[in-house]
Protein backbone atom coordinates (compact mmCIF):
# COMPACT_ATOMS: atom_id res chain seq x y z
CA MET A 1 37.99 32.73 -39.06
CA THR A 2 37.70 32.54 -34.67
CA ALA A 3 34.64 33.68 -34.90
CA LEU A 4 33.62 30.78 -37.54
CA ARG A 5 35.18 28.27 -35.38
CA SER A 6 32.94 29.21 -32.33
CA LEU A 7 29.81 28.75 -34.40
CA VAL A 8 31.20 24.99 -35.60
CA ALA A 9 32.33 24.05 -31.66
CA LEU A 10 29.56 25.15 -30.23
CA PRO A 11 27.00 22.97 -31.74
CA LEU A 12 29.68 20.00 -31.61
CA LEU A 13 30.12 20.33 -28.10
CA LEU A 14 26.03 20.63 -27.31
CA ILE A 15 25.81 16.98 -29.85
CA LEU A 16 29.18 15.69 -27.38
CA ALA A 17 27.43 16.37 -24.33
CA ALA A 18 23.75 15.33 -25.55
CA CYS A 19 25.69 11.57 -26.27
CA GLN A 20 27.31 11.34 -23.07
CA ARG A 21 24.30 12.05 -21.09
CA ASP A 22 22.32 9.36 -22.83
CA GLU A 23 25.41 6.92 -21.99
CA ARG A 24 24.56 7.69 -18.45
CA ALA A 25 21.22 6.91 -18.65
CA ALA A 26 21.81 3.92 -20.72
CA GLY A 27 24.17 3.13 -18.22
CA VAL A 28 21.32 2.80 -15.14
CA PRO A 29 19.44 -0.20 -14.79
CA ALA A 30 16.00 0.20 -15.96
CA GLU A 31 14.40 -0.22 -12.68
CA GLU A 32 15.71 3.15 -11.72
CA ARG A 33 14.52 4.79 -14.68
CA ALA A 34 10.87 3.60 -15.20
CA ALA A 35 8.09 4.99 -12.57
CA PRO A 36 6.94 3.96 -9.64
CA ALA A 37 6.47 0.25 -8.70
CA PRO A 38 2.85 -0.32 -8.79
CA PRO A 39 1.16 -1.04 -5.54
CA PRO A 40 1.17 -4.61 -4.21
CA GLU A 41 -1.51 -7.02 -5.94
CA VAL A 42 -3.89 -7.55 -3.20
CA VAL A 43 -6.31 -10.46 -2.97
CA GLY A 44 -9.95 -9.24 -1.92
CA TYR A 45 -12.04 -11.60 0.23
CA HIS A 46 -15.88 -12.70 -0.04
CA PRO A 47 -17.43 -11.65 3.29
CA ASP A 48 -19.32 -14.96 2.74
CA SER A 49 -15.82 -16.98 2.09
CA LEU A 50 -14.81 -16.15 5.05
CA ALA A 51 -15.73 -18.98 8.06
CA TRP A 52 -14.70 -16.73 10.99
CA LEU A 53 -16.52 -13.87 9.71
CA ARG A 54 -20.06 -16.11 9.38
CA GLU A 55 -19.51 -17.61 12.44
CA GLY A 56 -19.00 -14.43 14.17
CA ARG A 57 -15.41 -15.22 15.67
CA PRO A 58 -13.07 -12.94 16.18
CA VAL A 59 -9.97 -12.42 14.20
CA MET A 60 -6.85 -13.35 16.44
CA PHE A 61 -3.52 -11.44 15.81
CA GLY A 62 -0.94 -10.10 18.31
CA GLY A 63 -2.18 -11.88 20.94
CA LYS A 64 -5.84 -10.23 20.74
CA GLU A 65 -8.60 -10.59 19.26
CA TRP A 66 -10.19 -8.36 16.36
CA ARG A 67 -13.56 -7.42 15.32
CA PRO A 68 -14.92 -6.26 11.94
CA VAL A 69 -16.26 -2.24 12.95
CA GLY A 70 -18.04 0.16 10.92
CA GLU A 71 -18.61 -0.27 7.15
CA PRO A 72 -16.19 -1.01 4.33
CA LEU A 73 -14.40 2.22 3.16
CA HIS A 74 -12.75 2.61 -0.22
CA GLU A 75 -8.86 3.32 0.04
CA GLU A 76 -5.65 2.12 -2.29
CA SER A 77 -4.14 -0.89 -1.41
CA ASP A 78 -0.64 1.67 -1.24
CA ARG A 79 -1.89 3.35 1.96
CA PHE A 80 -1.73 -0.55 3.24
CA GLN A 81 1.01 -2.95 4.22
CA ARG A 82 0.46 -6.66 5.16
CA VAL A 83 1.23 -7.45 8.57
CA GLY A 84 0.49 -11.13 8.82
CA ASP A 85 -2.19 -13.85 7.70
CA PHE A 86 -5.23 -15.10 9.95
CA GLU A 87 -6.83 -18.62 8.55
CA GLY A 88 -5.32 -18.28 5.29
CA MET A 89 -6.31 -14.59 5.32
CA ALA A 90 -4.02 -11.53 4.71
CA LEU A 91 -3.92 -8.59 7.48
CA TYR A 92 -2.96 -5.32 6.93
CA ALA A 93 -2.31 -1.91 8.69
CA PRO A 94 -1.94 1.30 7.47
CA ALA A 95 1.51 1.44 5.61
CA ASP A 96 2.48 4.29 7.94
CA GLU A 97 2.25 2.75 11.59
CA LEU A 98 4.24 0.02 13.65
CA ALA A 99 3.38 -2.20 15.43
CA PRO A 100 0.94 -2.39 18.11
CA TYR A 101 -1.63 -1.19 15.45
CA ALA A 102 -4.84 0.29 15.97
CA HIS A 103 -6.53 -1.12 13.47
CA LEU A 104 -5.96 -3.91 11.13
CA PHE A 105 -7.89 -4.13 7.36
CA ILE A 106 -9.08 -7.04 5.36
CA PRO A 107 -9.43 -6.49 2.05
CA PHE A 108 -12.97 -6.92 0.20
CA GLY A 109 -11.11 -6.04 -3.33
CA ASN A 110 -11.53 -3.61 -5.81
CA ASP A 111 -9.90 -1.07 -2.91
CA VAL A 112 -12.52 -2.01 -0.47
CA TRP A 113 -11.54 -2.43 2.92
CA GLN A 114 -12.97 -3.33 6.34
CA ALA A 115 -11.54 -2.12 9.45
CA LEU A 116 -10.93 -4.87 13.17
CA GLU A 117 -10.53 -3.15 16.13
CA PRO A 118 -9.18 -4.80 19.14
CA ALA A 119 -12.28 -6.74 20.61
CA ASP A 120 -12.02 -4.42 23.76
CA THR A 121 -12.44 -1.42 22.08
CA ALA A 122 -15.00 -2.59 19.07
CA GLN A 123 -17.30 -3.50 22.36
CA ALA A 124 -16.85 -0.65 24.22
CA GLY A 125 -17.68 1.92 20.86
CA ALA A 126 -20.49 -0.73 20.28
CA ALA A 127 -22.14 -0.38 23.99
CA GLY A 128 -21.23 3.05 23.96
CA GLY A 129 -23.22 4.04 20.48
CA ALA A 130 -26.20 1.40 22.05
CA GLY A 131 -26.53 4.19 25.30
CA SER A 132 -26.53 7.63 22.82
C-alpha cells in the first residue's frame, strides 16, 4: 500500500511543482521574459542630403573638426551608440568606446556607415597616402 501511495504522490508532486514554476514565471513582467531588445532605430542619411558633405565642410563635435575617411562600411546598428548631433544629423561612436572618441560615424541606412576622423588625423592620413 505504501508503494502505491508513493506512485500516486510522485506525479502529484511533479504537477504541483510545475504549476508553481508557471505561477512564478507569470509574476515576472513580460519585458523581463522577452528576448533581448532590438537595436535602436537608426535613421539613415543620403549623402546628397547632407549640406556639409556636399559643401566640403567638416563636422563640428567635441571641439574638433571631423572629416569623412575611407569607404562606407557595413556594420549592424547595435555596434554603435548615439553620442551627439550636427546640423540635425545624428552622430554615433562605437558602442564600446567612451569619449574622447577616435572615430565618429554617420549612418547612410541599411547598416552602412561612414567613418569620420578628427580633421588633423584625416588630413595626415591623406597626406601620408599620397606620398606612398
